[in-house]
């Protein structure tokens, strides 16, 4: 073993262990206890020692196995790249699994509810993927369109007694309008400046909803939001006089799971429509203009592409799908408040796009499942589940900094001999 390399590895491991020690002592070194004598402090320096030791030896091992390019996890196997046909087969199998999941014998209410949450974030990730992954516009305020869709549906359904099916397209149109409103001030911005403005826009929407009590209910939110029905047939045990309910229509015994399964298939259809629309748009000139804008805006102008229209179309369409997801979220929860649309939601959606691989539709699905399911699986480790989740995120980004599914088929191909 090279002595210089070993010395550098020891130095890096020592610095990492020192940082771990400084963080671990106040975080896990002391614990507040309650006994017969009142409150007390319990020391857990053995936990600190174990943590520092794991960090030291882990960093030392990574430093020794570092590749020539400096990749900390260069010794790990690369993510396999599947041929186009294989990728379609995998996507088809996942779709069949998604369709059959609520009907499986092992599927209970908890599993279906978690699957609904995953699909909501998949739809949001596909919507943001238009803006960030395809057009290359860093948007940190995407949750604002999510909120616009949710409040549009809630207010229309409560104040005007409009059904979910009528409110859904209206919520999408209102969110698209707000996307255009956001797009105009940021036409000349890019990079970090664009991210700051979009972050401010998202916070402005949340603060307005928080303080405009007469309109949005303020911090108390909006409750008793109508639930969707099956095209006029409610999911109730007994309907109004002369009204047929869902279970009566199909001759079934009443079960609360009927509404849950219907919501699952509803968000599945909405997500698939989002995916289909995005894939179709990528093959059109506007979709190719998005990707050209992402690569080089100056070259776009030289080719005669109008960056203004391209950016506005990306913001509007991405916001529209966020509005659809927000309307579904409102009808699923039956209650919304500004706390449901904080910046952390935008960060999670952006993390889904980046972790999955910007521009990759399948990557968004994998990343959304990872970001939603892993914290749920770690609930037994309630004190440390977010620490473990963060460590998993760091390891994945060290292993695959370009995203889990960075490889994707190009939007346009040149034929041989062209």
Protein backbone atom coordinates (compact mmCIF):
# COMPACT_ATOMS: atom_id res chain seq x y z
CA UNK A 1 0.00 0.00 0.00
CA UNK A 2 1.29 3.47 -0.87
CA UNK A 3 2.36 5.22 2.33
CA UNK A 4 1.29 8.63 1.07
CA UNK A 5 -2.15 7.34 0.18
CA UNK A 6 -2.55 5.71 3.61
CA UNK A 7 -1.46 8.93 5.35
CA UNK A 8 -3.95 10.99 3.36
CA UNK A 9 -6.67 8.46 4.13
CA UNK A 10 -5.90 8.68 7.85
CA UNK A 11 -6.01 12.47 7.67
CA UNK A 12 -9.38 12.48 5.93
CA UNK A 13 -10.76 9.88 8.34
CA UNK A 14 -9.57 11.87 11.32
CA UNK A 15 -11.17 15.08 10.08
CA UNK A 16 -14.44 13.26 9.34
CA UNK A 17 -14.39 11.67 12.81
CA UNK A 18 -13.77 15.08 14.41
CA UNK A 19 -16.77 16.58 12.62
CA UNK A 20 -18.87 13.55 13.61
CA UNK A 21 -17.78 13.98 17.25
CA UNK A 22 -18.74 17.67 17.31
CA UNK A 23 -22.15 16.85 15.86
CA UNK A 24 -22.83 13.68 17.85
CA UNK A 25 -22.09 15.03 21.35
CA UNK A 26 -24.95 17.58 21.43
CA UNK A 27 -27.30 15.47 19.30
CA UNK A 28 -27.08 12.00 20.82
CA UNK A 29 -24.60 12.37 23.70
CA UNK A 30 -27.22 13.62 26.15
CA UNK A 31 -30.80 12.55 26.75
CA UNK A 32 -33.45 14.21 28.92
CA UNK A 33 -35.07 11.71 31.33
CA UNK A 34 -37.96 11.95 33.75
CA UNK A 35 -37.91 10.11 37.05
CA UNK A 36 -39.22 10.26 40.59
CA UNK A 37 -36.78 13.05 41.40
CA UNK A 38 -37.87 15.12 38.40
CA UNK A 39 -36.07 15.79 35.16
CA UNK A 40 -32.53 14.57 34.69
CA UNK A 41 -29.87 14.18 32.02
CA UNK A 42 -28.60 10.80 30.89
CA UNK A 43 -25.26 10.61 29.08
CA UNK A 44 -24.81 8.28 26.11
CA UNK A 45 -21.15 8.72 25.28
CA UNK A 46 -20.91 5.05 24.28
CA UNK A 47 -23.29 5.82 21.39
CA UNK A 48 -21.08 8.75 20.46
CA UNK A 49 -18.01 6.53 20.46
CA UNK A 50 -19.68 3.95 18.24
CA UNK A 51 -20.84 6.63 15.80
CA UNK A 52 -17.44 8.30 15.60
CA UNK A 53 -15.78 4.92 15.10
CA UNK A 54 -18.10 4.00 12.24
CA UNK A 55 -17.45 7.35 10.56
CA UNK A 56 -13.67 7.03 11.00
CA UNK A 57 -13.32 3.52 9.61
CA UNK A 58 -15.92 4.10 6.91
CA UNK A 59 -14.17 7.23 5.68
CA UNK A 60 -10.80 5.51 5.90
CA UNK A 61 -12.03 2.59 3.80
CA UNK A 62 -13.60 4.87 1.20
CA UNK A 63 -10.45 6.94 0.93
CA UNK A 64 -8.33 3.83 0.35
CA UNK A 65 -10.63 2.49 -2.37
CA UNK A 66 -11.06 5.81 -4.11
CA UNK A 67 -10.75 5.68 -7.88
CA UNK A 68 -8.38 7.79 -9.93
CA UNK A 69 -11.17 10.26 -10.68
CA UNK A 70 -11.87 10.91 -7.02
CA UNK A 71 -15.24 9.15 -6.88
CA UNK A 72 -15.77 8.12 -3.28
CA UNK A 73 -17.83 5.14 -4.38
CA UNK A 74 -15.96 4.36 -7.57
CA UNK A 75 -15.53 0.73 -6.48
CA UNK A 76 -19.27 0.10 -6.56
CA UNK A 77 -20.83 -1.43 -9.68
CA UNK A 78 -22.43 1.00 -12.09
CA UNK A 79 -26.15 1.11 -12.67
CA UNK A 80 -26.93 -1.20 -15.59
CA UNK A 81 -28.21 0.39 -18.76
CA UNK A 82 -31.12 -1.44 -20.28
CA UNK A 83 -31.89 -1.49 -24.00
CA UNK A 84 -34.93 0.45 -25.11
CA UNK A 85 -36.98 -2.73 -25.54
CA UNK A 86 -36.07 -3.97 -22.06
CA UNK A 87 -36.95 -0.59 -20.56
CA UNK A 88 -40.38 -0.74 -22.14
CA UNK A 89 -40.87 -4.27 -20.82
CA UNK A 90 -39.96 -3.16 -17.30
CA UNK A 91 -42.31 -0.18 -17.59
CA UNK A 92 -45.11 -2.46 -18.77
CA UNK A 93 -44.59 -4.84 -15.87
CA UNK A 94 -44.60 -1.95 -13.39
CA UNK A 95 -47.83 -0.67 -14.93
CA UNK A 96 -49.48 -4.09 -14.62
CA UNK A 97 -48.33 -4.29 -11.00
CA UNK A 98 -49.74 -0.82 -10.31
CA UNK A 99 -53.09 -1.76 -11.84
CA UNK A 100 -53.36 -5.00 -9.88
CA UNK A 101 -51.94 -3.75 -6.56
CA UNK A 102 -55.21 -2.70 -4.79
CA UNK A 103 -56.83 -6.01 -5.76
CA UNK A 104 -54.08 -8.23 -4.33
CA UNK A 105 -54.97 -10.24 -1.19
CA UNK A 106 -52.13 -8.63 0.77
CA UNK A 107 -53.19 -5.06 -0.09
CA UNK A 108 -54.75 -3.41 2.94
CA UNK A 109 -55.84 0.19 3.44
CA UNK A 110 -52.42 1.28 4.67
CA UNK A 111 -50.67 -0.06 1.57
CA UNK A 112 -53.17 1.57 -0.79
CA UNK A 113 -52.91 4.91 1.02
CA UNK A 114 -49.11 4.83 0.76
CA UNK A 115 -49.38 3.93 -2.93
CA UNK A 116 -51.68 6.92 -3.46
CA UNK A 117 -49.11 9.20 -1.84
CA UNK A 118 -46.36 7.79 -4.06
CA UNK A 119 -48.48 8.39 -7.17
CA UNK A 120 -49.18 11.98 -6.13
CA UNK A 121 -45.45 12.66 -5.92
CA UNK A 122 -44.86 10.79 -9.19
CA UNK A 123 -47.35 13.13 -10.89
CA UNK A 124 -45.77 16.17 -9.27
CA UNK A 125 -42.31 14.95 -10.26
CA UNK A 126 -43.39 14.48 -13.88
CA UNK A 127 -44.87 17.97 -13.89
CA UNK A 128 -41.72 19.56 -12.47
CA UNK A 129 -39.63 17.44 -14.82
CA UNK A 130 -40.98 19.53 -17.71
CA UNK A 131 -39.62 22.70 -16.12
CA UNK A 132 -36.38 21.43 -14.58
CA UNK A 133 -35.50 18.25 -16.45
CA UNK A 134 -36.49 19.21 -19.99
CA UNK A 135 -36.37 23.02 -20.08
CA UNK A 136 -33.51 23.36 -17.56
CA UNK A 137 -35.28 26.03 -15.46
CA UNK A 138 -34.52 25.59 -11.76
CA UNK A 139 -37.87 26.02 -9.99
CA UNK A 140 -37.91 26.01 -6.17
CA UNK A 141 -41.50 27.23 -5.86
CA UNK A 142 -43.37 24.43 -7.59
CA UNK A 143 -45.48 23.82 -4.50
CA UNK A 144 -47.26 27.13 -5.23
CA UNK A 145 -49.05 25.56 -8.23
CA UNK A 146 -49.88 22.54 -6.09
CA UNK A 147 -51.51 24.92 -3.60
CA UNK A 148 -53.36 26.87 -6.30
CA UNK A 149 -54.94 23.68 -7.61
CA UNK A 150 -55.94 22.51 -4.14
CA UNK A 151 -57.51 25.81 -3.07
CA UNK A 152 -59.21 26.28 -6.44
CA UNK A 153 -60.98 22.97 -6.11
CA UNK A 154 -61.84 23.48 -2.43
CA UNK A 155 -63.32 26.96 -2.93
CA UNK A 156 -65.27 26.06 -6.06
CA UNK A 157 -66.64 22.86 -4.58
CA UNK A 158 -67.73 24.48 -1.31
CA UNK A 159 -68.97 27.88 -2.51
CA UNK A 160 -70.46 26.90 -5.87
CA UNK A 161 -71.30 23.24 -5.25
CA UNK A 162 -69.31 22.16 -8.32
CA UNK A 163 -68.37 18.52 -8.77
CA UNK A 164 -64.81 17.25 -8.79
CA UNK A 165 -64.96 16.51 -12.50
CA UNK A 166 -65.81 20.13 -13.31
CA UNK A 167 -63.31 21.59 -10.86
CA UNK A 168 -60.39 19.45 -12.00
CA UNK A 169 -59.78 21.15 -15.38
CA UNK A 170 -60.49 24.57 -13.86
CA UNK A 171 -57.86 23.93 -11.16
CA UNK A 172 -55.35 23.00 -13.85
CA UNK A 173 -56.12 26.14 -15.87
CA UNK A 174 -55.78 28.40 -12.83
CA UNK A 175 -52.44 26.79 -11.95
CA UNK A 176 -51.26 27.24 -15.57
CA UNK A 177 -52.26 30.90 -15.37
CA UNK A 178 -50.13 31.32 -12.25
CA UNK A 179 -47.31 29.54 -14.07
CA UNK A 180 -47.47 32.18 -16.81
CA UNK A 181 -47.62 34.94 -14.17
CA UNK A 182 -44.44 33.51 -12.64
CA UNK A 183 -42.83 33.06 -16.04
CA UNK A 184 -42.98 36.68 -17.17
CA UNK A 185 -40.82 38.22 -14.38
CA UNK A 186 -38.14 35.54 -14.71
CA UNK A 187 -37.70 35.52 -18.48
CA UNK A 188 -34.24 37.10 -18.25
CA UNK A 189 -33.11 35.09 -15.23
CA UNK A 190 -31.30 31.79 -15.09
CA UNK A 191 -29.47 29.59 -12.63
CA UNK A 192 -29.32 30.70 -9.00
CA UNK A 193 -31.22 33.93 -9.64
CA UNK A 194 -34.12 32.02 -11.17
CA UNK A 195 -34.15 29.63 -8.21
CA UNK A 196 -34.32 32.52 -5.71
CA UNK A 197 -37.22 34.21 -7.52
CA UNK A 198 -39.23 30.99 -7.82
CA UNK A 199 -38.57 30.26 -4.15
CA UNK A 200 -39.92 33.70 -3.27
CA UNK A 201 -42.98 33.13 -5.45
CA UNK A 202 -43.80 29.91 -3.64
CA UNK A 203 -43.47 31.58 -0.26
CA UNK A 204 -45.62 34.52 -1.40
CA UNK A 205 -48.47 32.16 -2.29
CA UNK A 206 -48.21 30.39 1.06
CA UNK A 207 -48.11 33.65 3.05
CA UNK A 208 -51.11 35.04 1.16
CA UNK A 209 -53.07 31.88 1.93
CA UNK A 210 -51.95 32.09 5.55
CA UNK A 211 -53.03 35.70 6.08
CA UNK A 212 -56.07 36.13 3.83
CA UNK A 213 -58.51 34.57 6.29
CA UNK A 214 -61.69 35.70 4.53
CA UNK A 215 -60.62 33.96 1.34
CA UNK A 216 -58.61 30.90 2.35
CA UNK A 217 -59.49 30.41 6.01
CA UNK A 218 -56.01 31.47 7.07
CA UNK A 219 -54.07 29.06 9.29
CA UNK A 220 -57.29 27.16 10.05
CA UNK A 221 -57.48 26.07 6.43
CA UNK A 222 -60.56 24.74 4.67
CA UNK A 223 -62.39 21.68 5.95
CA UNK A 224 -65.36 19.57 4.83
CA UNK A 225 -64.12 19.55 1.23
CA UNK A 226 -66.46 17.35 -0.85
CA UNK A 227 -65.13 13.94 -1.78
CA UNK A 228 -65.33 12.73 -5.38
CA UNK A 229 -68.06 10.39 -6.50
CA UNK A 230 -68.20 7.77 -9.20
CA UNK A 231 -69.76 9.94 -11.91
CA UNK A 232 -72.72 10.88 -9.72
CA UNK A 233 -72.84 7.74 -7.57
CA UNK A 234 -71.53 8.56 -4.06
CA UNK A 235 -69.40 6.20 -1.96
CA UNK A 236 -71.84 6.30 0.94
CA UNK A 237 -73.66 3.62 2.89
CA UNK A 238 -76.98 5.28 2.10
CA UNK A 239 -77.60 8.02 -0.43
CA UNK A 240 -80.22 10.73 -0.46
CA UNK A 241 -83.83 9.71 -1.21
CA UNK A 242 -83.97 8.38 -4.74
CA UNK A 243 -80.15 8.37 -5.12
CA UNK A 244 -78.21 5.23 -5.97
CA UNK A 245 -74.87 4.71 -4.24
CA UNK A 246 -71.78 3.05 -5.68
CA UNK A 247 -72.19 -0.28 -3.90
CA UNK A 248 -75.90 -0.41 -4.79
CA UNK A 249 -75.09 0.25 -8.46
CA UNK A 250 -72.77 -2.77 -8.66
CA UNK A 251 -74.59 -4.94 -6.12
CA UNK A 252 -71.72 -4.92 -3.63
CA UNK A 253 -71.64 -4.87 0.14
CA UNK A 254 -70.72 -1.43 1.44
CA UNK A 255 -67.04 -0.98 2.31
CA UNK A 256 -64.96 2.15 2.99
CA UNK A 257 -62.27 0.60 0.79
CA UNK A 258 -64.37 1.32 -2.32
CA UNK A 259 -63.60 5.03 -2.09
CA UNK A 260 -59.91 4.41 -1.31
CA UNK A 261 -59.49 2.09 -4.30
CA UNK A 262 -61.33 4.55 -6.54
CA UNK A 263 -58.98 7.35 -5.42
CA UNK A 264 -56.02 5.10 -6.17
CA UNK A 265 -57.14 4.41 -9.72
CA UNK A 266 -58.05 8.07 -10.19
CA UNK A 267 -54.56 9.33 -9.33
CA UNK A 268 -53.06 6.46 -11.36
CA UNK A 269 -54.99 7.60 -14.44
CA UNK A 270 -54.03 11.24 -13.84
CA UNK A 271 -50.36 10.29 -13.48
CA UNK A 272 -50.42 8.16 -16.63
CA UNK A 273 -52.04 11.00 -18.56
CA UNK A 274 -49.29 13.31 -17.33
CA UNK A 275 -46.66 10.86 -18.52
CA UNK A 276 -48.33 10.31 -21.89
CA UNK A 277 -48.73 14.05 -22.46
CA UNK A 278 -45.10 14.75 -21.54
CA UNK A 279 -43.78 12.04 -23.85
CA UNK A 280 -45.93 13.35 -26.70
CA UNK A 281 -44.81 16.93 -26.12
CA UNK A 282 -41.15 15.88 -26.18
CA UNK A 283 -41.57 14.65 -29.74
CA UNK A 284 -43.14 17.91 -30.89
CA UNK A 285 -41.13 21.03 -31.82
CA UNK A 286 -41.95 22.68 -28.49
CA UNK A 287 -40.53 19.71 -26.60
CA UNK A 288 -37.33 19.78 -28.63
CA UNK A 289 -37.16 23.53 -27.99
CA UNK A 290 -37.31 22.84 -24.23
CA UNK A 291 -34.30 20.55 -24.43
CA UNK A 292 -32.45 22.95 -26.73
CA UNK A 293 -33.08 25.75 -24.22
CA UNK A 294 -31.71 23.58 -21.46
CA UNK A 295 -28.48 22.98 -23.37
CA UNK A 296 -27.77 26.51 -24.64
CA UNK A 297 -30.13 29.50 -24.66
CA UNK A 298 -27.83 31.58 -26.91
CA UNK A 299 -27.78 28.83 -29.51
CA UNK A 300 -31.59 28.70 -29.32
CA UNK A 301 -31.82 32.37 -30.20
CA UNK A 302 -29.40 31.84 -33.07
CA UNK A 303 -31.64 29.09 -34.43
CA UNK A 304 -34.67 31.37 -34.38
CA UNK A 305 -36.31 29.84 -31.30
CA UNK A 306 -38.13 32.33 -29.11
CA UNK A 307 -36.96 31.65 -25.52
CA UNK A 308 -39.87 33.67 -24.12
CA UNK A 309 -42.51 31.37 -25.57
CA UNK A 310 -40.49 28.27 -24.72
CA UNK A 311 -40.08 29.25 -21.07
CA UNK A 312 -43.72 30.29 -20.67
CA UNK A 313 -44.96 27.05 -22.21
CA UNK A 314 -42.76 25.01 -19.84
CA UNK A 315 -43.91 26.94 -16.78
CA UNK A 316 -47.57 26.79 -17.82
CA UNK A 317 -47.69 23.07 -18.62
CA UNK A 318 -45.66 22.08 -15.57
CA UNK A 319 -47.89 24.22 -13.36
CA UNK A 320 -51.03 22.73 -14.91
CA UNK A 321 -50.10 19.22 -13.80
CA UNK A 322 -49.23 20.57 -10.36
CA UNK A 323 -52.74 22.06 -10.24
CA UNK A 324 -54.31 18.72 -11.17
CA UNK A 325 -52.36 17.02 -8.38
CA UNK A 326 -53.40 19.75 -5.94
CA UNK A 327 -57.10 19.27 -6.76
CA UNK A 328 -56.75 15.55 -6.17
CA UNK A 329 -54.90 16.16 -2.90
CA UNK A 330 -57.71 18.41 -1.65
CA UNK A 331 -60.48 15.93 -2.46
CA UNK A 332 -58.51 13.06 -0.99
CA UNK A 333 -57.71 14.79 2.30
CA UNK A 334 -60.99 16.66 2.76
CA UNK A 335 -58.97 19.37 4.51
CA UNK A 336 -56.19 21.70 3.36
CA UNK A 337 -54.17 24.41 5.07
CA UNK A 338 -51.09 26.49 4.17
CA UNK A 339 -48.91 24.13 6.23
CA UNK A 340 -49.46 21.46 3.58
CA UNK A 341 -47.67 23.62 0.97
CA UNK A 342 -44.43 24.66 2.63
CA UNK A 343 -41.03 24.92 0.97
CA UNK A 344 -40.11 21.42 2.09
CA UNK A 345 -42.67 20.06 -0.39
CA UNK A 346 -40.93 21.87 -3.25
CA UNK A 347 -37.61 20.50 -2.03
CA UNK A 348 -38.94 16.94 -1.97
CA UNK A 349 -40.39 17.23 -5.49
CA UNK A 350 -37.14 18.73 -6.80
CA UNK A 351 -35.18 15.96 -5.06
CA UNK A 352 -37.35 13.40 -6.88
CA UNK A 353 -36.49 14.95 -10.25
CA UNK A 354 -32.76 15.26 -9.51
CA UNK A 355 -32.39 11.89 -7.80
CA UNK A 356 -34.25 10.10 -10.56
CA UNK A 357 -32.23 11.76 -13.31
CA UNK A 358 -33.33 15.03 -14.88
CA UNK A 359 -35.43 14.41 -17.96
CA UNK A 360 -36.06 10.75 -17.12
CA UNK A 361 -39.67 9.69 -16.68
CA UNK A 362 -38.83 6.27 -15.23
CA UNK A 363 -36.29 7.88 -12.90
CA UNK A 364 -39.03 10.02 -11.36
CA UNK A 365 -41.05 6.88 -10.55
CA UNK A 366 -38.09 5.17 -8.88
CA UNK A 367 -37.05 8.27 -6.94
CA UNK A 368 -40.61 9.01 -5.75
CA UNK A 369 -41.00 5.45 -4.51
CA UNK A 370 -37.64 5.69 -2.73
CA UNK A 371 -38.29 9.06 -1.08
CA UNK A 372 -41.77 8.08 0.13
CA UNK A 373 -41.31 4.42 1.00
CA UNK A 374 -37.94 4.54 2.76
CA UNK A 375 -39.09 6.92 5.56
CA UNK A 376 -42.18 4.73 6.01
CA UNK A 377 -40.10 1.57 6.26
CA UNK A 378 -37.86 3.25 8.83
CA UNK A 379 -40.70 4.26 11.14
CA UNK A 380 -39.61 1.59 13.64
CA UNK A 381 -36.43 3.64 14.04
CA UNK A 382 -38.39 6.80 14.80
CA UNK A 383 -35.51 8.58 16.51
CA UNK A 384 -33.04 7.98 13.72
CA UNK A 385 -35.09 7.35 10.61
CA UNK A 386 -34.41 10.77 9.09
CA UNK A 387 -30.68 10.35 9.81
CA UNK A 388 -30.71 6.97 8.08
CA UNK A 389 -32.76 8.41 5.24
CA UNK A 390 -30.28 11.27 4.80
CA UNK A 391 -27.37 8.84 4.78
CA UNK A 392 -29.09 6.77 2.08
CA UNK A 393 -29.61 9.92 -0.01
CA UNK A 394 -25.96 10.93 0.33
CA UNK A 395 -24.73 7.46 -0.64
CA UNK A 396 -26.96 7.34 -3.71
CA UNK A 397 -25.87 10.76 -4.90
CA UNK A 398 -22.21 9.79 -4.38
CA UNK A 399 -22.79 6.63 -6.36
CA UNK A 400 -25.01 8.13 -9.06
CA UNK A 401 -24.54 11.92 -9.09
CA UNK A 402 -26.27 12.13 -12.48
CA UNK A 403 -29.39 10.38 -11.14
CA UNK A 404 -30.64 6.83 -10.81
CA UNK A 405 -31.80 6.66 -14.43
CA UNK A 406 -29.62 9.17 -16.23
CA UNK A 407 -29.75 7.33 -19.56
CA UNK A 408 -32.82 8.08 -21.65
CA UNK A 409 -33.73 7.85 -25.30
CA UNK A 410 -33.16 11.07 -27.32
CA UNK A 411 -36.17 13.06 -28.44
CA UNK A 412 -35.02 13.03 -32.06
CA UNK A 413 -32.76 10.73 -34.06
CA UNK A 414 -30.96 11.21 -37.33
CA UNK A 415 -31.57 8.42 -39.79
CA UNK A 416 -28.56 6.72 -41.37
CA UNK A 417 -27.45 8.51 -44.51
CA UNK A 418 -29.47 11.66 -43.70
